Amino acid sequence: MKIQFTKYQATGNDFVLIDNRNQEYAFAKEQIEKICDRRFGVGADGLMLIEKHPTLDFNLVYYNSDGSQSLCGNGSRAAVAMAATLGLLKNKTTFNAYDGPHEAELLNTGIVRLKMNPVTSVIKKGEDFFIHTGSPHHLQFVPAVEKINVVDEGRKIRYSEAYKPTGTNVNFIQLLNNNTIFVRTYERGVENETFSCGTGVTAAALAASFHGYTSPVHIKVKGGELDVAFQTGQAGTFHEIYLIGPAKMVFTGTLEL
């Protein structure tokens, strides 16, 4: 079976995107793993299918590289950029994702502004935080994030008793000057550090607000820079949350399964 695909990256978080509006494709876990394999497939952090939706501009189906599903903030931004090339939107859109409808705007600069769903609960875990931004995130503030062994330390928390059986993503955050933070993320489902995690930097920005950082928070990641804007509600809730950053097409191709 030959399949046309497009490769996108959003601050180094990379994805294989497939136009599935004709419902031609359905992938088993093993096939998703193969497509995302960096030696035996195209190579990506995740696979996305753009499909028709009865009332919205499109439906986005997202798979992590291990075949599991979740909301992916950076993936959603990449999907918006690709959907524009398919003629599904001009500059504004509403589409359906894993956690429900999302609004987004594609700016002339190639920046995608994605509206995230409200956050109604922030859990303090000692000096750490747990925030669900469409995907679960443990957040730990560290003095020097570049010195952290993200894979080893992240894996310990991801598989810890506190988060069994489903696990969690793990983010290490360094507070910088000028309302800026530096974030590194161990991603559940990828089971490795990624160059960027959209839901992770969103959670990190919200956690940074408890350290006096204000909207919009500027975030540095290994793959580039993003911004997260938000409004604070009562009792540590957040709404009008936006993940803002670039999404770029890398190449198109044909894969064979």
C-alpha atoms as a PDB file:
ATOM      1  CA  MET A   1       0.000   0.000   0.000  1.00  0.00           C
ATOM      2  CA  LYS A   2       1.473   3.341  -1.103  1.00  0.00           C
ATOM      3  CA  ILE A   3       0.488   6.401   0.921  1.00  0.00           C
ATOM      4  CA  GLN A   4       1.128  10.072   0.182  1.00  0.00           C
ATOM      5  CA  PHE A   5       2.285  12.017   3.239  1.00  0.00           C
ATOM      6  CA  THR A   6       3.653  15.392   4.282  1.00  0.00           C
ATOM      7  CA  LYS A   7       6.291  15.925   6.963  1.00  0.00           C
ATOM      8  CA  TYR A   8       5.924  18.950   9.252  1.00  0.00           C
ATOM      9  CA  GLN A   9       7.891  20.241  12.202  1.00  0.00           C
ATOM     10  CA  ALA A  10       6.785  22.657  14.905  1.00  0.00           C
ATOM     11  CA  THR A  11       9.780  23.857  16.951  1.00  0.00           C
ATOM     12  CA  GLY A  12      11.490  20.550  16.304  1.00  0.00           C
ATOM     13  CA  ASN A  13       8.495  18.393  17.242  1.00  0.00           C
ATOM     14  CA  ASP A  14       8.060  16.463  13.986  1.00  0.00           C
ATOM     15  CA  PHE A  15       5.069  14.730  12.452  1.00  0.00           C
ATOM     16  CA  VAL A  16       3.885  12.684   9.504  1.00  0.00           C
ATOM     17  CA  LEU A  17       0.570  14.069   8.215  1.00  0.00           C
ATOM     18  CA  ILE A  18      -1.815  12.226   5.909  1.00  0.00           C
ATOM     19  CA  ASP A  19      -4.890  13.585   4.145  1.00  0.00           C
ATOM     20  CA  ASN A  20      -7.517  10.997   5.091  1.00  0.00           C
ATOM     21  CA  ARG A  21     -10.651  12.906   4.115  1.00  0.00           C
ATOM     22  CA  ASN A  22     -11.719   9.982   1.928  1.00  0.00           C
ATOM     23  CA  GLN A  23     -11.299   7.539   4.818  1.00  0.00           C
ATOM     24  CA  GLU A  24      -8.841   5.443   2.814  1.00  0.00           C
ATOM     25  CA  TYR A  25      -6.566   4.591   5.714  1.00  0.00           C
ATOM     26  CA  ALA A  26      -6.771   2.991   9.145  1.00  0.00           C
ATOM     27  CA  PHE A  27      -3.529   2.075  10.868  1.00  0.00           C
ATOM     28  CA  ALA A  28      -2.713  -0.632  13.389  1.00  0.00           C
ATOM     29  CA  LYS A  29      -0.371   0.112  16.280  1.00  0.00           C
ATOM     30  CA  GLU A  30       2.487  -1.738  14.566  1.00  0.00           C
ATOM     31  CA  GLN A  31       2.026   0.296  11.381  1.00  0.00           C
ATOM     32  CA  ILE A  32       2.091   3.585  13.303  1.00  0.00           C
ATOM     33  CA  GLU A  33       5.274   2.523  15.055  1.00  0.00           C
ATOM     34  CA  LYS A  34       6.846   1.634  11.700  1.00  0.00           C
ATOM     35  CA  ILE A  35       5.902   4.945  10.058  1.00  0.00           C
ATOM     36  CA  CYS A  36       7.356   6.899  12.989  1.00  0.00           C
ATOM     37  CA  ASP A  37      10.522   4.782  13.241  1.00  0.00           C
ATOM     38  CA  ARG A  38      13.552   6.912  12.363  1.00  0.00           C
ATOM     39  CA  ARG A  39      15.459   4.004  10.816  1.00  0.00           C
ATOM     40  CA  PHE A  40      12.778   1.845   9.217  1.00  0.00           C
ATOM     41  CA  GLY A  41      10.088   4.439   8.475  1.00  0.00           C
ATOM     42  CA  VAL A  42       9.694   8.127   7.740  1.00  0.00           C
ATOM     43  CA  GLY A  43      10.620   9.057  11.293  1.00  0.00           C
ATOM     44  CA  ALA A  44       8.493  11.283  13.531  1.00  0.00           C
ATOM     45  CA  ASP A  45       7.288  11.985  17.048  1.00  0.00           C
ATOM     46  CA  GLY A  46       3.736  11.346  15.877  1.00  0.00           C
ATOM     47  CA  LEU A  47       1.341  10.504  13.052  1.00  0.00           C
ATOM     48  CA  MET A  48      -1.676  12.662  12.185  1.00  0.00           C
ATOM     49  CA  LEU A  49      -4.677  12.064   9.961  1.00  0.00           C
ATOM     50  CA  ILE A  50      -6.726  14.995   8.690  1.00  0.00           C
ATOM     51  CA  GLU A  51     -10.307  13.828   8.218  1.00  0.00           C
ATOM     52  CA  LYS A  52     -13.726  15.302   7.478  1.00  0.00           C
ATOM     53  CA  HIS A  53     -15.939  16.554  10.297  1.00  0.00           C
ATOM     54  CA  PRO A  54     -19.718  17.001   9.954  1.00  0.00           C
ATOM     55  CA  THR A  55     -19.804  20.556  11.339  1.00  0.00           C
ATOM     56  CA  LEU A  56     -16.221  21.797  11.822  1.00  0.00           C
ATOM     57  CA  ASP A  57     -13.452  22.469   9.301  1.00  0.00           C
ATOM     58  CA  PHE A  58     -11.761  19.135   9.923  1.00  0.00           C
ATOM     59  CA  ASN A  59     -11.198  16.321  12.406  1.00  0.00           C
ATOM     60  CA  LEU A  60      -7.648  15.670  13.601  1.00  0.00           C
ATOM     61  CA  VAL A  61      -6.650  12.152  14.637  1.00  0.00           C
ATOM     62  CA  TYR A  62      -3.306  12.120  16.439  1.00  0.00           C
ATOM     63  CA  TYR A  63      -1.121   9.139  17.357  1.00  0.00           C
ATOM     64  CA  ASN A  64       2.073   9.198  19.385  1.00  0.00           C
ATOM     65  CA  SER A  65       4.920   7.180  17.905  1.00  0.00           C
ATOM     66  CA  ASP A  66       3.915   4.190  20.068  1.00  0.00           C
ATOM     67  CA  GLY A  67       0.370   4.213  18.675  1.00  0.00           C
ATOM     68  CA  SER A  68      -1.294   5.799  21.718  1.00  0.00           C
ATOM     69  CA  GLN A  69      -3.569   8.817  21.336  1.00  0.00           C
ATOM     70  CA  SER A  70      -3.634  12.188  23.078  1.00  0.00           C
ATOM     71  CA  LEU A  71      -3.900  15.884  22.382  1.00  0.00           C
ATOM     72  CA  CYS A  72      -0.731  17.238  20.792  1.00  0.00           C
ATOM     73  CA  GLY A  73      -0.410  21.021  20.867  1.00  0.00           C
ATOM     74  CA  ASN A  74       2.454  21.299  18.403  1.00  0.00           C
ATOM     75  CA  GLY A  75       0.878  18.642  16.207  1.00  0.00           C
ATOM     76  CA  SER A  76      -2.365  20.583  16.161  1.00  0.00           C
ATOM     77  CA  ARG A  77      -0.503  23.694  15.030  1.00  0.00           C
ATOM     78  CA  ALA A  78       1.161  21.700  12.242  1.00  0.00           C
ATOM     79  CA  ALA A  79      -2.204  20.240  11.227  1.00  0.00           C
ATOM     80  CA  VAL A  80      -3.689  23.735  10.950  1.00  0.00           C
ATOM     81  CA  ALA A  81      -0.834  24.754   8.662  1.00  0.00           C
ATOM     82  CA  MET A  82      -1.382  21.703   6.447  1.00  0.00           C
ATOM     83  CA  ALA A  83      -5.177  22.090   6.463  1.00  0.00           C
ATOM     84  CA  ALA A  84      -4.687  25.567   5.011  1.00  0.00           C
ATOM     85  CA  THR A  85      -2.768  24.070   2.063  1.00  0.00           C
ATOM     86  CA  LEU A  86      -5.698  21.679   1.514  1.00  0.00           C
ATOM     87  CA  GLY A  87      -8.098  24.620   1.270  1.00  0.00           C
ATOM     88  CA  LEU A  88      -9.896  23.772   4.514  1.00  0.00           C
ATOM     89  CA  LEU A  89      -9.341  27.234   5.987  1.00  0.00           C
ATOM     90  CA  LYS A  90      -8.050  30.680   5.118  1.00  0.00           C
ATOM     91  CA  ASN A  91      -6.655  32.100   8.315  1.00  0.00           C
ATOM     92  CA  LYS A  92      -9.066  31.075  11.080  1.00  0.00           C
ATOM     93  CA  THR A  93     -10.452  27.643  11.846  1.00  0.00           C
ATOM     94  CA  THR A  94     -12.332  25.490  14.313  1.00  0.00           C
ATOM     95  CA  PHE A  95     -11.429  21.810  14.229  1.00  0.00           C
ATOM     96  CA  ASN A  96     -11.934  18.753  16.396  1.00  0.00           C
ATOM     97  CA  ALA A  97      -9.039  17.136  18.270  1.00  0.00           C
ATOM     98  CA  TYR A  98      -8.619  14.418  20.899  1.00  0.00           C
ATOM     99  CA  ASP A  99     -10.019  16.590  23.700  1.00  0.00           C
ATOM    100  CA  GLY A 100     -12.736  18.313  21.671  1.00  0.00           C
ATOM    101  CA  PRO A 101     -13.039  21.424  19.483  1.00  0.00           C
ATOM    102  CA  HIS A 102     -10.201  23.945  19.185  1.00  0.00           C
ATOM    103  CA  GLU A 103      -9.982  27.345  17.544  1.00  0.00           C
ATOM    104  CA  ALA A 104      -6.811  28.399  15.751  1.00  0.00           C
ATOM    105  CA  GLU A 105      -5.473  31.208  13.620  1.00  0.00           C
ATOM    106  CA  LEU A 106      -2.785  31.017  10.943  1.00  0.00           C
ATOM    107  CA  LEU A 107      -0.902  34.307  10.787  1.00  0.00           C
ATOM    108  CA  ASN A 108       0.854  35.670   7.694  1.00  0.00           C
ATOM    109  CA  THR A 109       4.228  35.057   9.318  1.00  0.00           C
ATOM    110  CA  GLY A 110       3.638  31.291   9.431  1.00  0.00           C
ATOM    111  CA  ILE A 111       2.896  31.441  13.150  1.00  0.00           C
ATOM    112  CA  VAL A 112      -0.067  29.368  14.350  1.00  0.00           C
ATOM    113  CA  ARG A 113      -2.065  30.581  17.338  1.00  0.00           C
ATOM    114  CA  LEU A 114      -3.896  27.624  18.897  1.00  0.00           C
ATOM    115  CA  LYS A 115      -6.549  28.041  21.569  1.00  0.00           C
ATOM    116  CA  MET A 116      -6.250  25.416  24.281  1.00  0.00           C
ATOM    117  CA  ASN A 117      -9.088  24.235  26.481  1.00  0.00           C
ATOM    118  CA  PRO A 118      -9.459  25.800  29.956  1.00  0.00           C
ATOM    119  CA  VAL A 119      -7.495  24.371  32.878  1.00  0.00           C
ATOM    120  CA  THR A 120      -9.702  23.911  35.924  1.00  0.00           C
ATOM    121  CA  SER A 121      -7.286  22.152  38.271  1.00  0.00           C
ATOM    122  CA  VAL A 122      -3.667  22.657  39.295  1.00  0.00           C
ATOM    123  CA  ILE A 123      -2.244  20.107  41.729  1.00  0.00           C
ATOM    124  CA  LYS A 124       0.737  21.013  43.897  1.00  0.00           C
ATOM    125  CA  LYS A 125       3.140  18.143  44.612  1.00  0.00           C
ATOM    126  CA  GLY A 126       5.589  19.654  47.079  1.00  0.00           C
ATOM    127  CA  GLU A 127       7.578  22.096  44.943  1.00  0.00           C
ATOM    128  CA  ASP A 128       6.332  20.410  41.763  1.00  0.00           C
ATOM    129  CA  PHE A 129       3.037  20.744  39.882  1.00  0.00           C
ATOM    130  CA  PHE A 130       0.668  18.526  37.937  1.00  0.00           C
ATOM    131  CA  ILE A 131      -1.397  20.223  35.227  1.00  0.00           C
ATOM    132  CA  HIS A 132      -3.550  18.583  32.546  1.00  0.00           C
ATOM    133  CA  THR A 133      -3.562  20.640  29.341  1.00  0.00           C
ATOM    134  CA  GLY A 134      -5.187  18.020  27.115  1.00  0.00           C
ATOM    135  CA  SER A 135      -2.344  15.676  28.075  1.00  0.00           C
ATOM    136  CA  PRO A 136      -1.064  15.064  31.638  1.00  0.00           C
ATOM    137  CA  HIS A 137       2.070  16.933  32.714  1.00  0.00           C
ATOM    138  CA  HIS A 138       4.299  16.730  35.776  1.00  0.00           C
ATOM    139  CA  LEU A 139       6.290  19.961  36.151  1.00  0.00           C
ATOM    140  CA  GLN A 140       9.532  20.347  38.072  1.00  0.00           C
ATOM    141  CA  PHE A 141      11.504  23.579  38.437  1.00  0.00           C
ATOM    142  CA  VAL A 142      15.275  23.156  38.295  1.00  0.00           C
ATOM    143  CA  PRO A 143      18.189  25.632  38.543  1.00  0.00           C
ATOM    144  CA  ALA A 144      19.971  24.465  35.359  1.00  0.00           C
ATOM    145  CA  VAL A 145      17.818  22.505  32.921  1.00  0.00           C
ATOM    146  CA  GLU A 146      20.689  21.721  30.552  1.00  0.00           C
ATOM    147  CA  LYS A 147      22.360  19.656  33.269  1.00  0.00           C
ATOM    148  CA  ILE A 148      19.315  17.398  33.700  1.00  0.00           C
ATOM    149  CA  ASN A 149      19.362  13.873  32.272  1.00  0.00           C
ATOM    150  CA  VAL A 150      15.851  14.260  30.908  1.00  0.00           C
ATOM    151  CA  VAL A 151      15.431  10.661  29.757  1.00  0.00           C
ATOM    152  CA  ASP A 152      16.578   9.034  33.007  1.00  0.00           C
ATOM    153  CA  GLU A 153      14.935  11.494  35.388  1.00  0.00           C
ATOM    154  CA  GLY A 154      11.817  11.845  33.272  1.00  0.00           C
ATOM    155  CA  ARG A 155      11.345   8.104  32.990  1.00  0.00           C
ATOM    156  CA  LYS A 156      11.506   7.695  36.778  1.00  0.00           C
ATOM    157  CA  ILE A 157       8.608  10.103  37.249  1.00  0.00           C
ATOM    158  CA  ARG A 158       6.677   8.912  34.180  1.00  0.00           C
ATOM    159  CA  TYR A 159       6.619   5.318  35.502  1.00  0.00           C
ATOM    160  CA  SER A 160       6.359   6.173  39.211  1.00  0.00           C
ATOM    161  CA  GLU A 161       3.661   4.682  41.435  1.00  0.00           C
ATOM    162  CA  ALA A 162       1.985   8.085  41.711  1.00  0.00           C
ATOM    163  CA  TYR A 163       1.134   8.072  38.005  1.00  0.00           C
ATOM    164  CA  LYS A 164       0.313   4.409  37.411  1.00  0.00           C
ATOM    165  CA  PRO A 165      -1.210   2.933  35.348  1.00  0.00           C
ATOM    166  CA  THR A 166      -1.310   5.510  32.527  1.00  0.00           C
ATOM    167  CA  GLY A 167       1.808   7.539  33.356  1.00  0.00           C
ATOM    168  CA  THR A 168       2.510  11.195  32.651  1.00  0.00           C
ATOM    169  CA  ASN A 169       4.658  13.531  30.594  1.00  0.00           C
ATOM    170  CA  VAL A 170       7.469  15.147  32.572  1.00  0.00           C
ATOM    171  CA  ASN A 171       8.749  18.712  32.158  1.00  0.00           C
ATOM    172  CA  PHE A 172      11.860  20.305  33.634  1.00  0.00           C
ATOM    173  CA  ILE A 173      11.674  24.106  33.810  1.00  0.00           C
ATOM    174  CA  GLN A 174      14.334  26.739  34.367  1.00  0.00           C
ATOM    175  CA  LEU A 175      13.197  30.260  35.208  1.00  0.00           C
ATOM    176  CA  LEU A 176      15.055  32.878  33.154  1.00  0.00           C
ATOM    177  CA  ASN A 177      14.946  36.675  33.053  1.00  0.00           C
ATOM    178  CA  ASN A 178      12.494  38.751  31.003  1.00  0.00           C
ATOM    179  CA  ASN A 179       9.428  36.588  31.684  1.00  0.00           C
ATOM    180  CA  THR A 180      11.125  33.688  29.878  1.00  0.00           C
ATOM    181  CA  ILE A 181      11.460  30.011  30.789  1.00  0.00           C
ATOM    182  CA  PHE A 182      13.501  27.155  29.316  1.00  0.00           C
ATOM    183  CA  VAL A 183      11.659  23.822  29.136  1.00  0.00           C
ATOM    184  CA  ARG A 184      12.774  20.278  28.367  1.00  0.00           C
ATOM    185  CA  THR A 185      10.199  17.482  28.150  1.00  0.00           C
ATOM    186  CA  TYR A 186      10.139  13.712  28.444  1.00  0.00           C
ATOM    187  CA  GLU A 187       7.107  12.703  26.378  1.00  0.00           C
ATOM    188  CA  ARG A 188       4.924   9.774  27.287  1.00  0.00           C
ATOM    189  CA  GLY A 189       4.085   7.829  24.129  1.00  0.00           C
ATOM    190  CA  VAL A 190       7.350   8.845  22.497  1.00  0.00           C
ATOM    191  CA  GLU A 191       9.244   7.569  25.569  1.00  0.00           C
ATOM    192  CA  ASN A 192      12.077   9.982  24.988  1.00  0.00           C
ATOM    193  CA  GLU A 193      12.944  13.652  25.159  1.00  0.00           C
ATOM    194  CA  THR A 194      11.455  15.645  22.296  1.00  0.00           C
ATOM    195  CA  PHE A 195      12.720  18.959  20.970  1.00  0.00           C
ATOM    196  CA  SER A 196       9.433  20.577  21.969  1.00  0.00           C
ATOM    197  CA  CYS A 197       6.059  19.650  23.475  1.00  0.00           C
ATOM    198  CA  GLY A 198       3.139  22.030  22.979  1.00  0.00           C
ATOM    199  CA  THR A 199       0.920  20.825  25.813  1.00  0.00           C
ATOM    200  CA  GLY A 200       4.047  20.661  27.980  1.00  0.00           C
ATOM    201  CA  VAL A 201       5.170  24.247  27.421  1.00  0.00           C
ATOM    202  CA  THR A 202       1.573  25.352  27.965  1.00  0.00           C
ATOM    203  CA  ALA A 203       1.523  23.614  31.345  1.00  0.00           C
ATOM    204  CA  ALA A 204       4.986  25.008  32.121  1.00  0.00           C
ATOM    205  CA  ALA A 205       3.874  28.575  31.414  1.00  0.00           C
ATOM    206  CA  LEU A 206       0.875  28.164  33.709  1.00  0.00           C
ATOM    207  CA  ALA A 207       3.095  26.714  36.438  1.00  0.00           C
ATOM    208  CA  ALA A 208       5.513  29.633  35.997  1.00  0.00           C
ATOM    209  CA  SER A 209       2.650  32.010  36.793  1.00  0.00           C
ATOM    210  CA  PHE A 210       2.835  30.758  40.393  1.00  0.00           C
ATOM    211  CA  HIS A 211       6.401  32.118  40.409  1.00  0.00           C
ATOM    212  CA  GLY A 212       5.232  35.560  39.304  1.00  0.00           C
ATOM    213  CA  TYR A 213       5.533  35.161  35.527  1.00  0.00           C
ATOM    214  CA  THR A 214       2.794  36.938  33.589  1.00  0.00           C
ATOM    215  CA  SER A 215       1.023  36.368  30.275  1.00  0.00           C
ATOM    216  CA  PRO A 216       2.392  35.967  27.692  1.00  0.00           C
ATOM    217  CA  VAL A 217       5.227  33.756  28.906  1.00  0.00           C
ATOM    218  CA  HIS A 218       8.076  33.300  26.420  1.00  0.00           C
ATOM    219  CA  ILE A 219       9.388  29.737  26.238  1.00  0.00           C
ATOM    220  CA  LYS A 220      12.686  28.422  24.941  1.00  0.00           C
ATOM    221  CA  VAL A 221      12.893  24.754  23.934  1.00  0.00           C
ATOM    222  CA  LYS A 222      15.577  22.715  22.189  1.00  0.00           C
ATOM    223  CA  GLY A 223      13.751  23.195  18.882  1.00  0.00           C
ATOM    224  CA  GLY A 224      13.070  26.925  19.018  1.00  0.00           C
ATOM    225  CA  GLU A 225      10.850  29.418  20.822  1.00  0.00           C
ATOM    226  CA  LEU A 226       7.125  29.728  21.573  1.00  0.00           C
ATOM    227  CA  ASP A 227       4.765  31.899  23.579  1.00  0.00           C
ATOM    228  CA  VAL A 228       1.843  31.004  25.807  1.00  0.00           C
ATOM    229  CA  ALA A 229      -0.835  33.583  26.605  1.00  0.00           C
ATOM    230  CA  PHE A 230      -3.522  33.041  29.235  1.00  0.00           C
ATOM    231  CA  GLN A 231      -5.958  34.632  31.642  1.00  0.00           C
ATOM    232  CA  THR A 232      -6.052  33.633  35.297  1.00  0.00           C
ATOM    233  CA  GLY A 233      -9.322  32.766  36.996  1.00  0.00           C
ATOM    234  CA  GLN A 234     -10.243  32.007  40.576  1.00  0.00           C
ATOM    235  CA  ALA A 235      -8.519  29.316  42.654  1.00  0.00           C
ATOM    236  CA  GLY A 236      -5.713  28.722  40.193  1.00  0.00           C
ATOM    237  CA  THR A 237      -7.829  28.146  37.104  1.00  0.00           C
ATOM    238  CA  PHE A 238      -6.884  29.370  33.644  1.00  0.00           C
ATOM    239  CA  HIS A 239      -8.821  30.255  30.506  1.00  0.00           C
ATOM    240  CA  GLU A 240      -8.254  31.968  27.151  1.00  0.00           C
ATOM    241  CA  ILE A 241      -5.059  29.913  26.846  1.00  0.00           C
ATOM    242  CA  TYR A 242      -3.150  30.212  23.559  1.00  0.00           C
ATOM    243  CA  LEU A 243      -0.125  28.264  22.328  1.00  0.00           C
ATOM    244  CA  ILE A 244       1.695  30.410  19.770  1.00  0.00           C
ATOM    245  CA  GLY A 245       4.567  29.353  17.537  1.00  0.00           C
ATOM    246  CA  PRO A 246       5.788  28.346  14.063  1.00  0.00           C
ATOM    247  CA  ALA A 247       4.848  25.263  12.046  1.00  0.00           C
ATOM    248  CA  LYS A 248       6.702  24.447   8.838  1.00  0.00           C
ATOM    249  CA  MET A 249       6.363  21.925   6.044  1.00  0.00           C
ATOM    250  CA  VAL A 250       9.603  19.966   5.614  1.00  0.00           C
ATOM    251  CA  PHE A 251       8.926  17.638   2.676  1.00  0.00           C
ATOM    252  CA  THR A 252       6.337  15.466   0.949  1.00  0.00           C
ATOM    253  CA  GLY A 253       6.733  11.850  -0.062  1.00  0.00           C
ATOM    254  CA  THR A 254       5.270   8.400  -0.560  1.00  0.00           C
ATOM    255  CA  LEU A 255       5.579   5.624   1.990  1.00  0.00           C
ATOM    256  CA  GLU A 256       4.862   1.955   1.479  1.00  0.00           C
ATOM    257  CA  LEU A 257       3.359  -0.320   4.131  1.00  0.00           C
END
